[in-house]
């Protein structure tokens, strides 16, 4: 069980802080049921109530800084998600986002980035679907990494780029 003030990843809401743990004082809701009251980190004016024993939405602890650094070293070797069919690709992206797994979010970003580069080289634009899932994956990944690394969310992309560049340089030595 999580503790009050813990930071967690809660499904599509991304990083949330546990504000309270206990029964809700809302008419019609059983006082026997214990709930987490979550405050989304990047949308502070909202709250989410979820039963502590619910498994409908993934709720997990933030990963550790060591894990972030390890993931960044793995980026050059992570396999992209290649699915030719547009609808199947979108389905794969949705399923991957639902897992709330940082490695898989990186794979989405890497895949779409490579697709963007390929399309630009062919004189084409990025597809609306790719753009949508690229931004969703970035938002979720960068939100978690920003808190773990103690930097702003808009600094995470550059931080990752520098680490990947350094990793590639070290691999050539």
N, C-alpha and C. Protein backbone atom coordinates (compact mmCIF):
# COMPACT_ATOMS: atom_id res chain seq x y z
N UNK A 1 0.85 -1.19 0.00
CA UNK A 1 0.00 0.00 0.00
C UNK A 1 0.89 1.24 0.00
N UNK A 2 0.45 2.24 -0.72
CA UNK A 2 1.19 3.50 -0.80
C UNK A 2 0.90 4.34 0.45
N UNK A 3 1.73 5.34 0.65
CA UNK A 3 1.59 6.22 1.81
C UNK A 3 1.17 7.61 1.36
N UNK A 4 0.62 8.37 2.31
CA UNK A 4 0.27 9.76 2.05
C UNK A 4 1.53 10.51 1.60
N UNK A 5 1.37 11.37 0.59
CA UNK A 5 2.43 12.19 -0.02
C UNK A 5 3.37 11.43 -0.94
N UNK A 6 3.15 10.12 -1.15
CA UNK A 6 3.92 9.39 -2.15
C UNK A 6 3.55 9.91 -3.53
N UNK A 7 4.51 9.85 -4.43
CA UNK A 7 4.24 10.13 -5.84
C UNK A 7 4.07 8.80 -6.54
N UNK A 8 3.05 8.72 -7.36
CA UNK A 8 2.74 7.49 -8.10
C UNK A 8 2.41 7.84 -9.55
N UNK A 9 2.47 6.83 -10.38
CA UNK A 9 1.94 6.94 -11.74
C UNK A 9 0.56 6.33 -11.68
N UNK A 10 -0.44 7.08 -12.14
CA UNK A 10 -1.81 6.58 -12.12
C UNK A 10 -2.37 6.63 -13.54
N UNK A 11 -2.27 5.51 -14.24
CA UNK A 11 -2.81 5.38 -15.59
C UNK A 11 -2.48 6.54 -16.49
N UNK A 12 -3.48 6.99 -17.25
CA UNK A 12 -3.30 8.08 -18.20
C UNK A 12 -3.11 9.44 -17.54
N UNK A 13 -3.26 9.51 -16.23
CA UNK A 13 -3.09 10.78 -15.52
C UNK A 13 -1.63 11.08 -15.24
N UNK A 14 -0.76 10.11 -15.41
CA UNK A 14 0.66 10.33 -15.16
C UNK A 14 0.96 10.46 -13.68
N UNK A 15 1.89 11.35 -13.37
CA UNK A 15 2.36 11.51 -11.99
C UNK A 15 1.28 12.16 -11.14
N UNK A 16 1.02 11.53 -9.99
CA UNK A 16 0.07 12.07 -9.01
C UNK A 16 0.69 11.97 -7.63
N UNK A 17 0.27 12.88 -6.76
CA UNK A 17 0.66 12.82 -5.35
C UNK A 17 -0.53 12.30 -4.56
N UNK A 18 -0.27 11.38 -3.65
CA UNK A 18 -1.35 10.88 -2.80
C UNK A 18 -1.59 11.91 -1.70
N UNK A 19 -2.74 12.56 -1.79
CA UNK A 19 -3.09 13.62 -0.84
C UNK A 19 -3.66 13.04 0.45
N UNK A 20 -4.52 12.05 0.31
CA UNK A 20 -5.18 11.43 1.47
C UNK A 20 -5.40 9.95 1.21
N UNK A 21 -5.52 9.20 2.31
CA UNK A 21 -5.90 7.79 2.24
C UNK A 21 -6.96 7.58 3.31
N UNK A 22 -8.14 7.15 2.89
CA UNK A 22 -9.21 6.92 3.86
C UNK A 22 -10.56 6.88 3.19
N UNK A 23 -11.61 6.72 4.00
CA UNK A 23 -12.97 6.70 3.43
C UNK A 23 -13.32 8.09 2.89
N UNK A 24 -14.20 8.13 1.92
CA UNK A 24 -14.64 9.40 1.35
C UNK A 24 -15.86 9.91 2.09
N UNK A 25 -15.93 11.20 2.28
CA UNK A 25 -17.09 11.82 2.93
C UNK A 25 -18.03 12.33 1.84
N UNK A 26 -18.54 11.38 1.06
CA UNK A 26 -19.44 11.70 -0.05
C UNK A 26 -20.70 10.86 0.12
N UNK A 27 -21.87 11.51 0.11
CA UNK A 27 -23.12 10.75 0.26
C UNK A 27 -23.23 9.64 -0.79
N UNK A 28 -23.68 8.47 -0.34
CA UNK A 28 -23.88 7.35 -1.25
C UNK A 28 -22.65 6.46 -1.40
N UNK A 29 -21.52 6.88 -0.83
CA UNK A 29 -20.31 6.07 -0.92
C UNK A 29 -20.06 5.44 0.45
N UNK A 30 -19.85 4.13 0.45
CA UNK A 30 -19.66 3.38 1.69
C UNK A 30 -18.45 3.90 2.47
N UNK A 31 -18.63 4.05 3.76
CA UNK A 31 -17.54 4.47 4.65
C UNK A 31 -16.58 3.30 4.90
N UNK A 32 -16.98 2.11 4.50
CA UNK A 32 -16.14 0.92 4.68
C UNK A 32 -15.00 0.88 3.66
N UNK A 33 -15.22 1.48 2.51
CA UNK A 33 -14.24 1.45 1.42
C UNK A 33 -13.18 2.53 1.65
N UNK A 34 -11.92 2.13 1.53
CA UNK A 34 -10.79 3.07 1.69
C UNK A 34 -10.35 3.52 0.29
N UNK A 35 -10.13 4.82 0.15
CA UNK A 35 -9.75 5.42 -1.14
C UNK A 35 -8.43 6.17 -1.04
N UNK A 36 -7.74 6.23 -2.18
CA UNK A 36 -6.65 7.17 -2.34
C UNK A 36 -7.26 8.43 -2.94
N UNK A 37 -6.88 9.58 -2.42
CA UNK A 37 -7.21 10.85 -3.06
C UNK A 37 -5.92 11.31 -3.73
N UNK A 38 -5.94 11.35 -5.04
CA UNK A 38 -4.75 11.69 -5.82
C UNK A 38 -4.87 13.08 -6.41
N UNK A 39 -3.76 13.79 -6.46
CA UNK A 39 -3.70 15.09 -7.11
C UNK A 39 -2.71 14.98 -8.26
N UNK A 40 -3.17 15.07 -9.51
CA UNK A 40 -2.24 15.02 -10.64
C UNK A 40 -1.20 16.13 -10.52
N UNK A 41 0.07 15.77 -10.67
CA UNK A 41 1.18 16.69 -10.45
C UNK A 41 1.12 17.89 -11.40
N UNK A 42 0.74 17.64 -12.64
CA UNK A 42 0.75 18.71 -13.64
C UNK A 42 -0.62 19.34 -13.84
N UNK A 43 -1.62 18.92 -13.07
CA UNK A 43 -2.96 19.49 -13.11
C UNK A 43 -3.45 19.60 -11.68
N UNK A 44 -2.90 20.52 -10.95
CA UNK A 44 -3.12 20.58 -9.50
C UNK A 44 -4.56 20.93 -9.09
N UNK A 45 -5.36 21.45 -9.99
CA UNK A 45 -6.72 21.85 -9.61
C UNK A 45 -7.73 20.71 -9.73
N UNK A 46 -7.26 19.49 -9.86
CA UNK A 46 -8.18 18.36 -9.93
C UNK A 46 -7.77 17.29 -8.93
N UNK A 47 -8.71 16.41 -8.62
CA UNK A 47 -8.46 15.30 -7.71
C UNK A 47 -9.06 14.04 -8.31
N UNK A 48 -8.45 12.93 -7.97
CA UNK A 48 -8.93 11.62 -8.42
C UNK A 48 -9.14 10.77 -7.18
N UNK A 49 -10.26 10.07 -7.13
CA UNK A 49 -10.55 9.17 -6.02
C UNK A 49 -10.55 7.75 -6.58
N UNK A 50 -9.75 6.89 -5.98
CA UNK A 50 -9.69 5.50 -6.44
C UNK A 50 -9.58 4.58 -5.23
N UNK A 51 -10.36 3.50 -5.23
CA UNK A 51 -10.26 2.55 -4.12
C UNK A 51 -8.84 1.98 -4.02
N UNK A 52 -8.35 1.79 -2.80
CA UNK A 52 -6.98 1.30 -2.63
C UNK A 52 -6.80 -0.10 -3.19
N UNK A 53 -7.87 -0.87 -3.28
CA UNK A 53 -7.76 -2.25 -3.78
C UNK A 53 -8.16 -2.37 -5.26
N UNK A 54 -8.31 -1.26 -5.95
CA UNK A 54 -8.71 -1.29 -7.36
C UNK A 54 -7.56 -1.74 -8.25
N UNK A 55 -7.90 -2.54 -9.24
CA UNK A 55 -6.91 -2.97 -10.24
C UNK A 55 -7.32 -2.54 -11.64
N UNK A 56 -8.35 -1.69 -11.74
CA UNK A 56 -8.85 -1.26 -13.05
C UNK A 56 -7.84 -0.39 -13.79
N UNK A 57 -7.13 0.45 -13.05
CA UNK A 57 -6.15 1.36 -13.64
C UNK A 57 -4.80 1.06 -13.01
N UNK A 58 -3.76 1.04 -13.83
CA UNK A 58 -2.42 0.79 -13.30
C UNK A 58 -2.00 1.94 -12.39
N UNK A 59 -1.53 1.56 -11.22
CA UNK A 59 -0.99 2.53 -10.26
C UNK A 59 0.31 1.94 -9.76
N UNK A 60 1.39 2.68 -9.95
CA UNK A 60 2.70 2.17 -9.54
C UNK A 60 3.55 3.30 -8.99
N UNK A 61 4.61 2.92 -8.27
CA UNK A 61 5.57 3.90 -7.77
C UNK A 61 6.37 4.46 -8.93
N UNK A 62 6.94 5.64 -8.73
CA UNK A 62 7.87 6.17 -9.72
C UNK A 62 9.09 5.26 -9.75
N UNK A 63 9.74 5.17 -10.89
CA UNK A 63 10.95 4.37 -10.96
C UNK A 63 12.08 5.13 -10.27
N UNK A 64 13.17 4.46 -9.99
CA UNK A 64 14.31 5.08 -9.31
C UNK A 64 15.24 5.76 -10.31
N UNK A 65 16.01 6.70 -9.84
CA UNK A 65 16.94 7.43 -10.70
C UNK A 65 17.92 6.48 -11.39
N UNK A 66 18.39 5.46 -10.68
CA UNK A 66 19.31 4.48 -11.29
C UNK A 66 18.64 3.79 -12.48
N UNK A 67 17.36 3.51 -12.36
CA UNK A 67 16.62 2.87 -13.45
C UNK A 67 16.50 3.82 -14.64
N UNK A 68 16.27 5.11 -14.37
CA UNK A 68 16.21 6.11 -15.44
C UNK A 68 17.53 6.11 -16.20
N UNK A 69 18.64 6.17 -15.47
CA UNK A 69 19.95 6.24 -16.11
C UNK A 69 20.23 4.97 -16.92
N UNK A 70 19.82 3.82 -16.39
CA UNK A 70 20.00 2.56 -17.12
C UNK A 70 19.17 2.56 -18.40
N UNK A 71 17.92 3.03 -18.32
CA UNK A 71 17.07 3.10 -19.51
C UNK A 71 17.68 4.00 -20.57
N UNK A 72 18.25 5.12 -20.15
CA UNK A 72 18.86 6.04 -21.11
C UNK A 72 20.04 5.39 -21.82
N UNK A 73 20.80 4.57 -21.10
CA UNK A 73 21.91 3.86 -21.73
C UNK A 73 21.41 2.82 -22.73
N UNK A 74 20.22 2.28 -22.50
CA UNK A 74 19.66 1.23 -23.36
C UNK A 74 19.00 1.78 -24.63
N UNK A 75 18.72 3.07 -24.68
CA UNK A 75 17.95 3.62 -25.81
C UNK A 75 18.50 3.22 -27.17
N UNK A 76 19.82 3.34 -27.42
CA UNK A 76 20.30 2.97 -28.76
C UNK A 76 19.99 1.52 -29.14
N UNK A 77 19.88 0.64 -28.14
CA UNK A 77 19.65 -0.78 -28.41
C UNK A 77 18.19 -1.20 -28.35
N UNK A 78 17.30 -0.32 -27.91
CA UNK A 78 15.88 -0.67 -27.83
C UNK A 78 15.29 -0.80 -29.22
N UNK A 79 14.55 -1.87 -29.41
CA UNK A 79 13.92 -2.12 -30.71
C UNK A 79 12.69 -1.23 -30.88
N UNK A 80 12.57 -0.59 -32.04
CA UNK A 80 11.34 0.18 -32.30
C UNK A 80 10.15 -0.76 -32.46
N UNK A 81 8.97 -0.18 -32.42
CA UNK A 81 7.73 -0.93 -32.59
C UNK A 81 7.31 -0.80 -34.05
N UNK A 82 7.68 -1.77 -34.87
CA UNK A 82 7.35 -1.66 -36.29
C UNK A 82 6.08 -2.44 -36.59
N UNK A 83 5.04 -1.70 -36.94
CA UNK A 83 3.76 -2.27 -37.36
C UNK A 83 3.36 -1.51 -38.62
N UNK A 84 3.25 -2.21 -39.74
CA UNK A 84 2.97 -1.54 -41.02
C UNK A 84 1.57 -0.95 -41.10
N UNK A 85 0.58 -1.72 -40.66
CA UNK A 85 -0.80 -1.29 -40.76
C UNK A 85 -1.08 -0.14 -39.79
N UNK A 86 -1.62 0.95 -40.32
CA UNK A 86 -1.87 2.17 -39.52
C UNK A 86 -2.78 1.90 -38.32
N UNK A 87 -3.88 1.19 -38.53
CA UNK A 87 -4.82 0.91 -37.43
C UNK A 87 -4.19 0.00 -36.38
N UNK A 88 -3.47 -1.02 -36.83
CA UNK A 88 -2.81 -1.92 -35.88
C UNK A 88 -1.73 -1.17 -35.10
N UNK A 89 -1.03 -0.25 -35.76
CA UNK A 89 0.00 0.54 -35.09
C UNK A 89 -0.63 1.40 -34.00
N UNK A 90 -1.75 2.05 -34.32
CA UNK A 90 -2.43 2.88 -33.34
C UNK A 90 -2.90 2.03 -32.15
N UNK A 91 -3.43 0.85 -32.43
CA UNK A 91 -3.85 -0.06 -31.37
C UNK A 91 -2.65 -0.45 -30.49
N UNK A 92 -1.53 -0.72 -31.13
CA UNK A 92 -0.31 -1.06 -30.38
C UNK A 92 0.14 0.10 -29.50
N UNK A 93 0.10 1.31 -30.04
CA UNK A 93 0.47 2.49 -29.25
C UNK A 93 -0.45 2.64 -28.04
N UNK A 94 -1.76 2.49 -28.25
CA UNK A 94 -2.73 2.61 -27.15
C UNK A 94 -2.44 1.59 -26.05
N UNK A 95 -2.23 0.34 -26.46
CA UNK A 95 -1.95 -0.72 -25.48
C UNK A 95 -0.66 -0.44 -24.73
N UNK A 96 0.33 0.04 -25.45
CA UNK A 96 1.62 0.33 -24.84
C UNK A 96 1.50 1.48 -23.84
N UNK A 97 0.77 2.53 -24.20
CA UNK A 97 0.57 3.66 -23.28
C UNK A 97 -0.15 3.20 -22.01
N UNK A 98 -1.11 2.31 -22.17
CA UNK A 98 -1.91 1.83 -21.04
C UNK A 98 -1.05 1.10 -20.00
N UNK A 99 0.07 0.52 -20.43
CA UNK A 99 0.94 -0.24 -19.52
C UNK A 99 1.71 0.65 -18.55
N UNK A 100 1.87 1.94 -18.89
CA UNK A 100 2.60 2.87 -18.01
C UNK A 100 4.03 2.41 -17.75
N UNK A 101 4.67 1.84 -18.75
CA UNK A 101 6.03 1.31 -18.63
C UNK A 101 7.00 2.24 -19.35
N UNK A 102 7.98 2.76 -18.64
CA UNK A 102 8.90 3.76 -19.21
C UNK A 102 9.67 3.22 -20.42
N UNK A 103 10.13 1.98 -20.35
CA UNK A 103 10.87 1.39 -21.47
C UNK A 103 9.98 1.38 -22.72
N UNK A 104 8.73 1.02 -22.55
CA UNK A 104 7.80 0.97 -23.68
C UNK A 104 7.47 2.36 -24.20
N UNK A 105 7.39 3.34 -23.31
CA UNK A 105 7.17 4.73 -23.76
C UNK A 105 8.35 5.19 -24.60
N UNK A 106 9.56 4.83 -24.18
CA UNK A 106 10.75 5.18 -24.96
C UNK A 106 10.69 4.53 -26.33
N UNK A 107 10.23 3.29 -26.39
CA UNK A 107 10.12 2.60 -27.67
C UNK A 107 9.13 3.31 -28.60
N UNK A 108 8.01 3.79 -28.05
CA UNK A 108 7.05 4.55 -28.87
C UNK A 108 7.72 5.81 -29.41
N UNK A 109 8.38 6.55 -28.53
CA UNK A 109 9.03 7.80 -28.94
C UNK A 109 10.09 7.52 -30.00
N UNK A 110 10.90 6.49 -29.78
CA UNK A 110 11.96 6.15 -30.73
C UNK A 110 11.36 5.74 -32.08
N UNK A 111 10.33 4.92 -32.04
CA UNK A 111 9.67 4.46 -33.27
C UNK A 111 9.12 5.64 -34.07
N UNK A 112 8.38 6.49 -33.41
CA UNK A 112 7.74 7.60 -34.12
C UNK A 112 8.79 8.61 -34.58
N UNK A 113 9.82 8.82 -33.79
CA UNK A 113 10.90 9.72 -34.21
C UNK A 113 11.55 9.20 -35.50
N UNK A 114 11.83 7.91 -35.54
CA UNK A 114 12.43 7.33 -36.75
C UNK A 114 11.46 7.41 -37.93
N UNK A 115 10.17 7.19 -37.68
CA UNK A 115 9.17 7.33 -38.75
C UNK A 115 9.11 8.77 -39.25
N UNK A 116 9.19 9.73 -38.32
CA UNK A 116 9.17 11.15 -38.71
C UNK A 116 10.35 11.47 -39.61
N UNK A 117 11.54 11.01 -39.21
CA UNK A 117 12.74 11.28 -39.99
C UNK A 117 12.61 10.68 -41.39
N UNK A 118 12.08 9.49 -41.47
CA UNK A 118 11.89 8.81 -42.75
C UNK A 118 10.88 9.57 -43.62
N UNK A 119 9.79 9.99 -43.03
CA UNK A 119 8.75 10.70 -43.79
C UNK A 119 9.26 12.06 -44.26
N UNK A 120 9.99 12.75 -43.41
CA UNK A 120 10.55 14.05 -43.79
C UNK A 120 11.51 13.88 -44.96
N UNK A 121 12.33 12.83 -44.92
CA UNK A 121 13.27 12.55 -46.01
C UNK A 121 12.54 12.27 -47.32
N UNK A 122 11.32 11.75 -47.22
CA UNK A 122 10.50 11.46 -48.40
C UNK A 122 9.63 12.65 -48.80
N UNK A 123 9.77 13.76 -48.07
CA UNK A 123 8.97 14.95 -48.37
C UNK A 123 7.54 14.86 -47.85
N UNK A 124 7.30 13.98 -46.88
CA UNK A 124 5.96 13.80 -46.31
C UNK A 124 5.91 14.39 -44.91
N UNK A 125 4.67 14.63 -44.45
CA UNK A 125 4.46 15.11 -43.09
C UNK A 125 4.24 13.93 -42.16
N UNK A 126 4.37 14.19 -40.87
CA UNK A 126 4.07 13.18 -39.86
C UNK A 126 2.55 12.95 -39.86
N UNK A 127 2.14 11.71 -39.64
CA UNK A 127 0.71 11.43 -39.59
C UNK A 127 0.12 12.00 -38.30
N UNK A 128 -1.16 12.30 -38.31
CA UNK A 128 -1.83 12.83 -37.12
C UNK A 128 -1.76 11.83 -35.97
N UNK A 129 -1.90 10.55 -36.29
CA UNK A 129 -1.84 9.51 -35.27
C UNK A 129 -0.46 9.46 -34.63
N UNK A 130 0.59 9.48 -35.46
CA UNK A 130 1.95 9.46 -34.92
C UNK A 130 2.21 10.69 -34.05
N UNK A 131 1.76 11.84 -34.51
CA UNK A 131 1.98 13.07 -33.74
C UNK A 131 1.28 12.98 -32.38
N UNK A 132 0.06 12.48 -32.40
CA UNK A 132 -0.72 12.35 -31.15
C UNK A 132 -0.01 11.44 -30.16
N UNK A 133 0.40 10.26 -30.60
CA UNK A 133 1.01 9.29 -29.68
C UNK A 133 2.44 9.68 -29.30
N UNK A 134 3.12 10.38 -30.18
CA UNK A 134 4.45 10.89 -29.85
C UNK A 134 4.36 11.85 -28.67
N UNK A 135 3.40 12.78 -28.75
CA UNK A 135 3.25 13.77 -27.67
C UNK A 135 2.73 13.13 -26.38
N UNK A 136 1.81 12.18 -26.50
CA UNK A 136 1.32 11.49 -25.30
C UNK A 136 2.45 10.73 -24.59
N UNK A 137 3.25 10.00 -25.38
CA UNK A 137 4.36 9.24 -24.79
C UNK A 137 5.39 10.17 -24.17
N UNK A 138 5.71 11.26 -24.87
CA UNK A 138 6.66 12.24 -24.32
C UNK A 138 6.13 12.84 -23.02
N UNK A 139 4.88 13.24 -23.03
CA UNK A 139 4.28 13.87 -21.85
C UNK A 139 4.35 12.95 -20.63
N UNK A 140 4.03 11.70 -20.82
CA UNK A 140 4.04 10.75 -19.69
C UNK A 140 5.46 10.45 -19.23
N UNK A 141 6.34 10.15 -20.18
CA UNK A 141 7.72 9.81 -19.83
C UNK A 141 8.43 11.01 -19.22
N UNK A 142 8.34 12.15 -19.87
CA UNK A 142 9.06 13.33 -19.40
C UNK A 142 8.52 13.82 -18.06
N UNK A 143 7.22 13.65 -17.83
CA UNK A 143 6.65 14.04 -16.55
C UNK A 143 7.25 13.25 -15.40
N UNK A 144 7.37 11.95 -15.60
CA UNK A 144 7.96 11.10 -14.55
C UNK A 144 9.45 11.38 -14.41
N UNK A 145 10.17 11.43 -15.52
CA UNK A 145 11.61 11.66 -15.47
C UNK A 145 11.94 13.01 -14.84
N UNK A 146 11.15 14.03 -15.11
CA UNK A 146 11.42 15.37 -14.57
C UNK A 146 11.44 15.34 -13.05
N UNK A 147 10.47 14.68 -12.46
CA UNK A 147 10.40 14.61 -11.00
C UNK A 147 11.58 13.81 -10.45
N UNK A 148 11.86 12.69 -11.07
CA UNK A 148 12.95 11.82 -10.60
C UNK A 148 14.30 12.52 -10.71
N UNK A 149 14.51 13.24 -11.83
CA UNK A 149 15.80 13.89 -12.08
C UNK A 149 15.90 15.27 -11.45
N UNK A 150 14.79 15.80 -10.96
CA UNK A 150 14.80 17.12 -10.34
C UNK A 150 15.00 18.24 -11.33
N UNK A 151 14.44 18.06 -12.55
CA UNK A 151 14.51 19.10 -13.57
C UNK A 151 13.11 19.40 -14.07
N UNK A 152 12.99 20.44 -14.88
CA UNK A 152 11.69 20.79 -15.45
C UNK A 152 11.35 19.81 -16.57
N UNK A 153 10.07 19.60 -16.78
CA UNK A 153 9.62 18.67 -17.82
C UNK A 153 10.14 19.07 -19.20
N UNK A 154 10.21 20.38 -19.47
CA UNK A 154 10.67 20.81 -20.80
C UNK A 154 12.19 20.69 -20.96
N UNK A 155 12.91 20.27 -19.94
CA UNK A 155 14.35 20.04 -20.03
C UNK A 155 14.70 18.57 -20.24
N UNK A 156 13.72 17.70 -20.13
CA UNK A 156 13.98 16.26 -20.17
C UNK A 156 14.45 15.81 -21.55
N UNK A 157 13.85 16.31 -22.62
CA UNK A 157 14.25 15.89 -23.97
C UNK A 157 15.73 16.16 -24.19
N UNK A 158 16.19 17.35 -23.83
CA UNK A 158 17.61 17.69 -24.01
C UNK A 158 18.49 16.81 -23.11
N UNK A 159 18.05 16.56 -21.89
CA UNK A 159 18.80 15.70 -20.97
C UNK A 159 18.97 14.31 -21.59
N UNK A 160 17.88 13.76 -22.13
CA UNK A 160 17.93 12.44 -22.75
C UNK A 160 18.86 12.46 -23.96
N UNK A 161 18.74 13.48 -24.80
CA UNK A 161 19.59 13.59 -26.00
C UNK A 161 21.07 13.58 -25.63
N UNK A 162 21.42 14.34 -24.59
CA UNK A 162 22.82 14.40 -24.16
C UNK A 162 23.30 13.04 -23.64
N UNK A 163 22.47 12.37 -22.87
CA UNK A 163 22.86 11.06 -22.33
C UNK A 163 23.00 10.02 -23.44
N UNK A 164 22.08 10.04 -24.40
CA UNK A 164 22.15 9.09 -25.51
C UNK A 164 23.40 9.37 -26.35
N UNK A 165 23.67 10.63 -26.60
CA UNK A 165 24.87 11.02 -27.35
C UNK A 165 26.12 10.53 -26.63
N UNK A 166 26.17 10.72 -25.32
CA UNK A 166 27.32 10.28 -24.53
C UNK A 166 27.45 8.75 -24.57
N UNK A 167 26.32 8.05 -24.47
CA UNK A 167 26.34 6.58 -24.52
C UNK A 167 26.88 6.10 -25.85
N UNK A 168 26.43 6.72 -26.95
CA UNK A 168 26.92 6.33 -28.28
C UNK A 168 28.41 6.58 -28.40
N UNK A 169 28.89 7.71 -27.87
CA UNK A 169 30.32 8.01 -27.91
C UNK A 169 31.11 6.98 -27.13
N UNK A 170 30.60 6.57 -25.99
CA UNK A 170 31.30 5.58 -25.16
C UNK A 170 31.33 4.21 -25.85
N UNK A 171 30.31 3.91 -26.65
CA UNK A 171 30.26 2.62 -27.34
C UNK A 171 31.28 2.55 -28.47
N UNK A 172 31.70 3.70 -28.98
CA UNK A 172 32.66 3.71 -30.09
C UNK A 172 34.10 3.69 -29.60
N UNK A 173 34.29 3.84 -28.30
CA UNK A 173 35.67 3.84 -27.76
C UNK A 173 36.18 2.43 -27.63
